[in-house]
């Protein structure tokens, strides 16, 4: 018996990694990206970098976070982030230490990794509490969500009832002085949040061929693309007047028209048979596979990469049998599992898959299943 079940790999909460085009103000660089396995945290795919319309190079990964390039596109930088505003260390449950050697800033030249700065290179690890929690060192906004909502609603209502001019002057003929001060506090607090959020959203940027990374450790990291050296300046120099803070905007436009297959959709094979049906028939008819093992098979397809011609380019899979009843069968299975796995892999690699299942504009697509 073969059965289809939910394959819960790397959790199933990742949103679709959709194709996008990214541009940065002040640059002639354009980044175009597609994910070939759009439901995992770090999909393999293609990220193309163009300069003045000319393709410079391609990376075989899709990045869910913003990327930053030198002005001519030669250098590309990926800053390890969880939520763009902050950069985190890796921790392990039950272990009270932080992995300070985690890559924090990866620098590519013409698509080839040339330099890595680790977490310990960019933060003061001696000042950290090794308490096993995620540590964010990027510039971040830490406001209570309920408070933000209260400020926003309170300020909006005040302006609608009393007008901005009345609130500005606290005209006691129009509003009670205590209520006016409360309204002002709500408006000031919400305005402060908006300023901080704008800074946080634009806390990493490129200007004059220098990458700036604002941190919550009182400094700004600077990476000069001409020297590839990391330096720092006091954060206060960048934020003398937070209201006037400005940074080149990174514009990301996602393609919402491309239809991506559901994570459990598998292409039909050969003469249009459903994937599970065809695989089930193959296993039933192969006497070598079935000899002495019964019918309870579990096949885990971690990666089935199909190109636009409907051919399998890459495969990762495991196969096991749940029907052994004795130690003898157990030993027989382990003696033959590599041969059985090779047979199933060969069958999967040599199928003609439905090429129309590969999304339009994609060179290939990755499927996976637990059957």
Protein backbone atom coordinates (compact mmCIF):
# COMPACT_ATOMS: atom_id res chain seq x y z
CA UNK A 1 0.00 0.00 0.00
CA UNK A 2 1.26 3.47 -0.87
CA UNK A 3 -0.21 6.51 0.80
CA UNK A 4 0.24 10.26 0.53
CA UNK A 5 0.86 12.19 3.74
CA UNK A 6 1.89 15.68 4.75
CA UNK A 7 5.65 16.23 4.56
CA UNK A 8 6.44 18.70 7.30
CA UNK A 9 9.96 19.80 6.35
CA UNK A 10 11.56 22.90 7.86
CA UNK A 11 8.04 23.78 9.01
CA UNK A 12 5.30 24.67 6.58
CA UNK A 13 4.86 28.31 7.54
CA UNK A 14 7.05 29.86 4.83
CA UNK A 15 5.13 32.03 2.41
CA UNK A 16 5.65 31.63 -1.32
CA UNK A 17 9.01 33.02 -2.43
CA UNK A 18 7.71 34.91 -5.45
CA UNK A 19 9.77 36.26 -8.38
CA UNK A 20 10.87 39.86 -7.88
CA UNK A 21 12.86 42.74 -9.35
CA UNK A 22 14.92 44.92 -6.98
CA UNK A 23 16.39 48.35 -7.66
CA UNK A 24 18.16 50.87 -5.43
CA UNK A 25 17.90 54.63 -5.75
CA UNK A 26 21.04 56.17 -7.25
CA UNK A 27 22.23 52.95 -8.92
CA UNK A 28 21.98 51.49 -12.43
CA UNK A 29 21.86 47.96 -10.97
CA UNK A 30 18.84 45.66 -11.25
CA UNK A 31 18.40 42.33 -9.45
CA UNK A 32 15.95 39.73 -10.79
CA UNK A 33 15.22 36.60 -8.77
CA UNK A 34 13.18 33.40 -9.02
CA UNK A 35 12.89 30.59 -6.46
CA UNK A 36 12.80 27.02 -7.78
CA UNK A 37 11.64 25.65 -4.39
CA UNK A 38 9.51 28.53 -3.07
CA UNK A 39 8.23 26.99 0.17
CA UNK A 40 11.49 26.65 2.14
CA UNK A 41 13.39 29.24 4.15
CA UNK A 42 16.41 29.52 1.83
CA UNK A 43 15.32 28.31 -1.63
CA UNK A 44 17.69 27.39 -4.38
CA UNK A 45 16.87 29.32 -7.52
CA UNK A 46 18.49 32.05 -9.60
CA UNK A 47 19.39 35.61 -8.73
CA UNK A 48 20.56 37.61 -11.73
CA UNK A 49 22.43 40.91 -11.41
CA UNK A 50 22.25 43.42 -14.27
CA UNK A 51 24.16 46.66 -14.77
CA UNK A 52 22.69 49.16 -17.24
CA UNK A 53 20.60 46.33 -18.69
CA UNK A 54 23.52 43.93 -19.18
CA UNK A 55 23.60 40.62 -17.28
CA UNK A 56 26.74 40.46 -15.12
CA UNK A 57 26.34 37.13 -13.29
CA UNK A 58 23.86 34.70 -11.72
CA UNK A 59 23.77 33.18 -8.23
CA UNK A 60 22.07 29.81 -7.72
CA UNK A 61 20.01 30.92 -4.74
CA UNK A 62 16.94 33.02 -4.06
CA UNK A 63 17.23 35.59 -1.27
CA UNK A 64 14.14 36.44 0.76
CA UNK A 65 15.81 39.59 2.13
CA UNK A 66 17.12 42.67 0.37
CA UNK A 67 20.51 42.52 -1.33
CA UNK A 68 23.03 45.33 -1.66
CA UNK A 69 25.52 45.92 -4.47
CA UNK A 70 28.37 48.20 -5.39
CA UNK A 71 27.42 50.98 -7.77
CA UNK A 72 28.62 48.98 -10.79
CA UNK A 73 27.04 45.71 -9.59
CA UNK A 74 30.39 43.88 -9.39
CA UNK A 75 30.07 43.26 -5.65
CA UNK A 76 26.95 41.90 -4.03
CA UNK A 77 26.43 41.72 -0.26
CA UNK A 78 24.03 39.58 1.72
CA UNK A 79 23.60 40.58 5.36
CA UNK A 80 22.28 37.70 7.45
CA UNK A 81 18.94 38.87 8.81
CA UNK A 82 15.78 37.39 10.23
CA UNK A 83 13.53 40.38 9.71
CA UNK A 84 15.70 42.83 7.79
CA UNK A 85 15.73 45.32 10.66
CA UNK A 86 17.83 43.07 12.89
CA UNK A 87 20.60 40.52 12.43
CA UNK A 88 20.66 37.47 14.64
CA UNK A 89 23.04 34.89 15.99
CA UNK A 90 22.33 31.17 15.90
CA UNK A 91 21.41 29.49 19.16
CA UNK A 92 20.50 25.95 20.05
CA UNK A 93 17.68 24.89 22.36
CA UNK A 94 19.00 23.67 25.68
CA UNK A 95 22.50 25.05 25.15
CA UNK A 96 23.43 28.32 26.81
CA UNK A 97 25.83 29.72 24.29
CA UNK A 98 25.72 31.78 21.11
CA UNK A 99 27.36 30.71 17.85
CA UNK A 100 29.67 33.69 17.30
CA UNK A 101 31.22 32.21 14.16
CA UNK A 102 27.98 32.45 12.23
CA UNK A 103 28.40 34.30 8.89
CA UNK A 104 26.99 37.82 9.26
CA UNK A 105 28.04 39.60 6.06
CA UNK A 106 28.76 37.64 2.87
CA UNK A 107 30.48 39.47 -0.01
CA UNK A 108 30.36 38.16 -3.58
CA UNK A 109 32.37 39.38 -6.55
CA UNK A 110 30.91 38.52 -9.96
CA UNK A 111 28.82 35.85 -8.26
CA UNK A 112 31.69 34.19 -6.35
CA UNK A 113 31.99 34.42 -2.56
CA UNK A 114 35.19 36.32 -1.77
CA UNK A 115 34.80 37.37 1.86
CA UNK A 116 32.78 36.53 4.96
CA UNK A 117 32.49 38.55 8.14
CA UNK A 118 31.36 36.46 11.09
CA UNK A 119 29.16 37.58 13.95
CA UNK A 120 32.18 38.01 16.23
CA UNK A 121 33.70 40.37 13.65
CA UNK A 122 30.85 42.85 13.82
CA UNK A 123 29.60 42.83 17.42
CA UNK A 124 31.20 42.99 20.86
CA UNK A 125 30.68 39.39 21.94
CA UNK A 126 32.23 40.02 25.36
CA UNK A 127 29.30 42.25 26.29
CA UNK A 128 26.64 39.68 25.43
CA UNK A 129 24.76 37.55 27.90
CA UNK A 130 25.24 33.96 26.75
CA UNK A 131 21.72 33.00 27.70
CA UNK A 132 20.88 30.97 24.63
CA UNK A 133 18.41 33.44 23.13
CA UNK A 134 18.45 35.09 19.73
CA UNK A 135 20.50 38.26 19.82
CA UNK A 136 19.57 41.01 17.35
CA UNK A 137 22.28 43.57 16.72
CA UNK A 138 20.79 45.47 13.80
CA UNK A 139 18.96 48.74 14.34
CA UNK A 140 15.49 47.76 15.52
CA UNK A 141 12.25 49.25 16.79
CA UNK A 142 10.96 47.92 20.10
CA UNK A 143 7.48 49.36 20.66
CA UNK A 144 4.49 47.61 22.18
CA UNK A 145 2.00 46.91 19.38
CA UNK A 146 -1.02 47.69 21.54
CA UNK A 147 0.50 51.02 22.56
CA UNK A 148 1.16 51.93 18.92
CA UNK A 149 -2.47 51.24 18.06
CA UNK A 150 -3.69 53.28 21.04
CA UNK A 151 -1.47 56.25 20.06
CA UNK A 152 -2.58 56.11 16.44
CA UNK A 153 -6.29 55.94 17.23
CA UNK A 154 -6.04 58.54 20.00
CA UNK A 155 -4.17 61.02 17.83
CA UNK A 156 -6.50 60.52 14.86
CA UNK A 157 -9.62 61.05 16.96
CA UNK A 158 -8.14 64.17 18.60
CA UNK A 159 -7.27 65.73 15.24
CA UNK A 160 -10.71 64.98 13.83
CA UNK A 161 -12.51 66.52 16.83
CA UNK A 162 -10.30 69.48 17.70
CA UNK A 163 -8.12 70.12 14.56
CA UNK A 164 -4.35 70.37 14.49
CA UNK A 165 -4.38 74.09 15.25
CA UNK A 166 -6.34 73.68 18.48
CA UNK A 167 -3.98 70.90 19.62
CA UNK A 168 -0.95 72.97 18.71
CA UNK A 169 -2.00 75.93 20.85
CA UNK A 170 -4.06 74.06 23.48
CA UNK A 171 -6.77 76.72 23.21
CA UNK A 172 -8.69 76.29 26.47
CA UNK A 173 -11.80 77.72 24.86
CA UNK A 174 -11.87 74.71 22.57
CA UNK A 175 -10.33 71.91 24.67
CA UNK A 176 -9.56 71.07 28.26
CA UNK A 177 -5.86 71.55 29.01
CA UNK A 178 -5.47 68.01 30.45
CA UNK A 179 -7.17 66.43 27.46
CA UNK A 180 -5.03 68.54 25.13
CA UNK A 181 -1.84 67.28 26.77
CA UNK A 182 -3.09 63.68 26.47
CA UNK A 183 -3.82 64.22 22.77
CA UNK A 184 -0.38 65.75 22.25
CA UNK A 185 1.25 62.79 24.00
CA UNK A 186 -0.54 60.33 21.72
CA UNK A 187 0.40 62.27 18.59
CA UNK A 188 4.03 62.74 19.69
CA UNK A 189 4.38 59.06 20.61
CA UNK A 190 2.93 57.87 17.31
CA UNK A 191 5.10 60.31 15.36
CA UNK A 192 8.16 59.05 17.25
CA UNK A 193 7.27 55.48 16.34
CA UNK A 194 6.89 56.40 12.66
CA UNK A 195 10.34 58.04 12.65
CA UNK A 196 11.95 55.01 14.31
CA UNK A 197 10.21 52.60 11.95
CA UNK A 198 11.38 54.58 8.91
CA UNK A 199 14.95 54.44 10.19
CA UNK A 200 14.67 50.73 10.96
CA UNK A 201 13.18 49.91 7.54
CA UNK A 202 16.08 51.72 5.86
CA UNK A 203 18.85 50.84 8.32
CA UNK A 204 20.98 49.14 5.64
CA UNK A 205 21.76 51.06 2.46
CA UNK A 206 24.40 51.93 -0.14
CA UNK A 207 25.52 55.51 -0.81
CA UNK A 208 28.55 56.58 -2.87
CA UNK A 209 29.71 52.97 -3.21
CA UNK A 210 29.74 52.44 0.57
CA UNK A 211 27.46 50.03 2.44
CA UNK A 212 26.07 51.36 5.72
CA UNK A 213 24.64 49.08 8.42
CA UNK A 214 23.08 50.76 11.45
CA UNK A 215 23.33 48.66 14.61
CA UNK A 216 21.87 48.73 18.11
CA UNK A 217 25.37 48.73 19.61
CA UNK A 218 25.89 52.44 19.20
CA UNK A 219 27.76 52.25 15.91
CA UNK A 220 27.33 52.16 12.15
CA UNK A 221 29.31 49.62 10.14
CA UNK A 222 30.76 50.89 6.85
CA UNK A 223 31.93 48.63 4.03
CA UNK A 224 33.84 50.47 1.31
CA UNK A 225 33.42 48.49 -1.91
CA UNK A 226 36.73 49.84 -3.21
CA UNK A 227 38.66 48.36 -0.26
CA UNK A 228 36.33 45.67 1.14
CA UNK A 229 37.32 46.75 4.62
CA UNK A 230 34.84 47.00 7.48
CA UNK A 231 35.01 50.16 9.60
CA UNK A 232 32.65 51.82 12.06
CA UNK A 233 31.53 55.27 13.17
CA UNK A 234 29.38 56.32 16.15
CA UNK A 235 25.66 55.88 15.52
CA UNK A 236 25.00 59.37 16.85
CA UNK A 237 26.78 60.86 13.82
CA UNK A 238 24.15 59.32 11.54
CA UNK A 239 21.22 60.11 13.80
CA UNK A 240 21.88 63.66 15.01
CA UNK A 241 18.37 64.53 13.86
CA UNK A 242 16.25 61.42 13.47
CA UNK A 243 13.43 63.29 11.78
CA UNK A 244 15.71 64.30 8.91
CA UNK A 245 17.23 60.81 8.48
CA UNK A 246 17.22 59.71 4.85
CA UNK A 247 18.69 56.76 2.96
CA UNK A 248 18.52 55.58 -0.66
CA UNK A 249 15.36 53.51 -0.98
CA UNK A 250 15.51 49.88 -2.00
CA UNK A 251 12.49 49.13 -4.20
CA UNK A 252 11.34 45.52 -4.53
CA UNK A 253 8.52 44.67 -6.94
CA UNK A 254 7.09 41.16 -6.64
CA UNK A 255 5.48 39.33 -9.56
CA UNK A 256 1.98 38.39 -8.44
CA UNK A 257 0.86 37.10 -11.85
CA UNK A 258 3.00 33.94 -11.98
CA UNK A 259 1.07 30.91 -10.75
CA UNK A 260 3.24 28.68 -8.56
CA UNK A 261 2.19 25.06 -7.95
CA UNK A 262 0.98 24.23 -4.47
CA UNK A 263 3.74 22.71 -2.32
CA UNK A 264 2.12 19.25 -2.59
CA UNK A 265 1.35 19.40 -6.34
CA UNK A 266 3.39 16.84 -8.29
CA UNK A 267 3.68 16.71 -12.09
CA UNK A 268 2.06 13.86 -14.00
CA UNK A 269 4.47 11.39 -15.64
CA UNK A 270 4.83 9.55 -18.94
CA UNK A 271 1.36 9.18 -20.42
CA UNK A 272 -0.28 11.59 -18.00
CA UNK A 273 -0.54 9.29 -15.00
CA UNK A 274 -0.63 10.80 -11.53
CA UNK A 275 2.79 10.72 -9.88
CA UNK A 276 1.73 8.49 -6.94
CA UNK A 277 -0.20 6.10 -9.19
CA UNK A 278 2.68 5.59 -11.60
CA UNK A 279 5.19 5.08 -8.79
CA UNK A 280 2.89 2.61 -7.06
CA UNK A 281 2.51 0.59 -10.27
CA UNK A 282 6.26 0.52 -10.83
CA UNK A 283 7.00 -0.77 -7.33
CA UNK A 284 4.28 -3.44 -7.56
CA UNK A 285 5.59 -4.79 -10.86
CA UNK A 286 9.27 -4.92 -9.86
CA UNK A 287 9.81 -8.32 -8.26
CA UNK A 288 13.26 -7.43 -6.93
CA UNK A 289 11.87 -4.54 -4.93
CA UNK A 290 8.90 -6.47 -3.57
CA UNK A 291 10.66 -9.77 -2.85
CA UNK A 292 10.03 -10.55 0.79
CA UNK A 293 9.34 -6.96 1.81
CA UNK A 294 5.56 -6.68 1.64
CA UNK A 295 3.62 -3.60 0.61
CA UNK A 296 4.32 -0.94 3.21
CA UNK A 297 6.76 1.48 1.59
CA UNK A 298 7.67 5.00 2.54
CA UNK A 299 9.32 7.13 -0.14
CA UNK A 300 10.59 10.58 0.76
CA UNK A 301 11.38 12.78 -2.24
CA UNK A 302 13.35 15.73 -0.87
CA UNK A 303 14.17 17.23 -4.24
CA UNK A 304 12.85 16.45 -7.71
CA UNK A 305 14.08 19.17 -10.09
CA UNK A 306 12.26 19.18 -13.43
CA UNK A 307 13.36 21.42 -16.31
CA UNK A 308 11.29 22.97 -19.08
CA UNK A 309 11.83 19.89 -21.25
CA UNK A 310 10.12 17.75 -18.60
CA UNK A 311 13.35 15.96 -17.62
CA UNK A 312 14.65 15.42 -14.09
CA UNK A 313 17.93 17.28 -13.53
CA UNK A 314 18.46 16.55 -9.85
CA UNK A 315 17.06 14.11 -7.31
CA UNK A 316 17.34 13.51 -3.57
CA UNK A 317 15.26 10.73 -2.03
CA UNK A 318 15.07 8.06 0.66
CA UNK A 319 13.12 4.80 0.72
CA UNK A 320 12.21 2.55 3.62
CA UNK A 321 9.98 -0.45 4.26
CA UNK A 322 7.63 -0.77 7.23
CA UNK A 323 6.48 -4.36 6.65
CA UNK A 324 9.27 -6.46 8.10
CA UNK A 325 8.09 -8.86 10.80
CA UNK A 326 11.31 -10.35 12.05
CA UNK A 327 15.01 -9.69 12.47
CA UNK A 328 15.63 -11.85 9.41
CA UNK A 329 13.56 -9.56 7.19
CA UNK A 330 15.17 -6.57 8.85
CA UNK A 331 18.64 -7.82 7.92
CA UNK A 332 17.56 -8.72 4.39
CA UNK A 333 16.15 -5.23 3.91
CA UNK A 334 19.36 -3.53 5.04
CA UNK A 335 21.39 -5.80 2.77
CA UNK A 336 19.33 -4.79 -0.25
CA UNK A 337 18.20 -1.24 0.46
CA UNK A 338 20.93 0.47 -1.62
CA UNK A 339 20.02 -1.64 -4.65
CA UNK A 340 16.32 -0.94 -4.15
CA UNK A 341 16.93 2.78 -3.68
CA UNK A 342 19.05 2.88 -6.86
CA UNK A 343 16.21 1.27 -8.82
CA UNK A 344 13.61 3.75 -7.63
CA UNK A 345 16.01 6.66 -8.24
CA UNK A 346 16.62 5.42 -11.79
CA UNK A 347 12.90 5.19 -12.39
CA UNK A 348 12.34 8.74 -11.10
CA UNK A 349 15.27 10.14 -13.09
CA UNK A 350 14.15 8.59 -16.39
CA UNK A 351 10.48 9.66 -16.39
CA UNK A 352 9.08 12.20 -18.81
CA UNK A 353 7.35 14.71 -16.57
CA UNK A 354 4.61 17.10 -17.54
CA UNK A 355 6.65 20.12 -18.58
CA UNK A 356 3.66 22.46 -18.43
CA UNK A 357 3.75 22.11 -14.64
CA UNK A 358 6.95 24.21 -14.58
CA UNK A 359 5.78 27.82 -14.01
CA UNK A 360 5.93 30.19 -16.96
CA UNK A 361 9.26 32.02 -17.15
CA UNK A 362 11.06 29.43 -14.99
CA UNK A 363 13.94 27.32 -16.31
CA UNK A 364 13.19 24.54 -13.80
CA UNK A 365 11.16 23.79 -10.70
CA UNK A 366 11.64 21.66 -7.59
CA UNK A 367 8.95 19.25 -6.35
CA UNK A 368 8.86 17.17 -3.17
CA UNK A 369 6.59 14.67 -1.47
CA UNK A 370 6.27 12.02 1.21
CA UNK A 371 4.48 8.95 -0.12
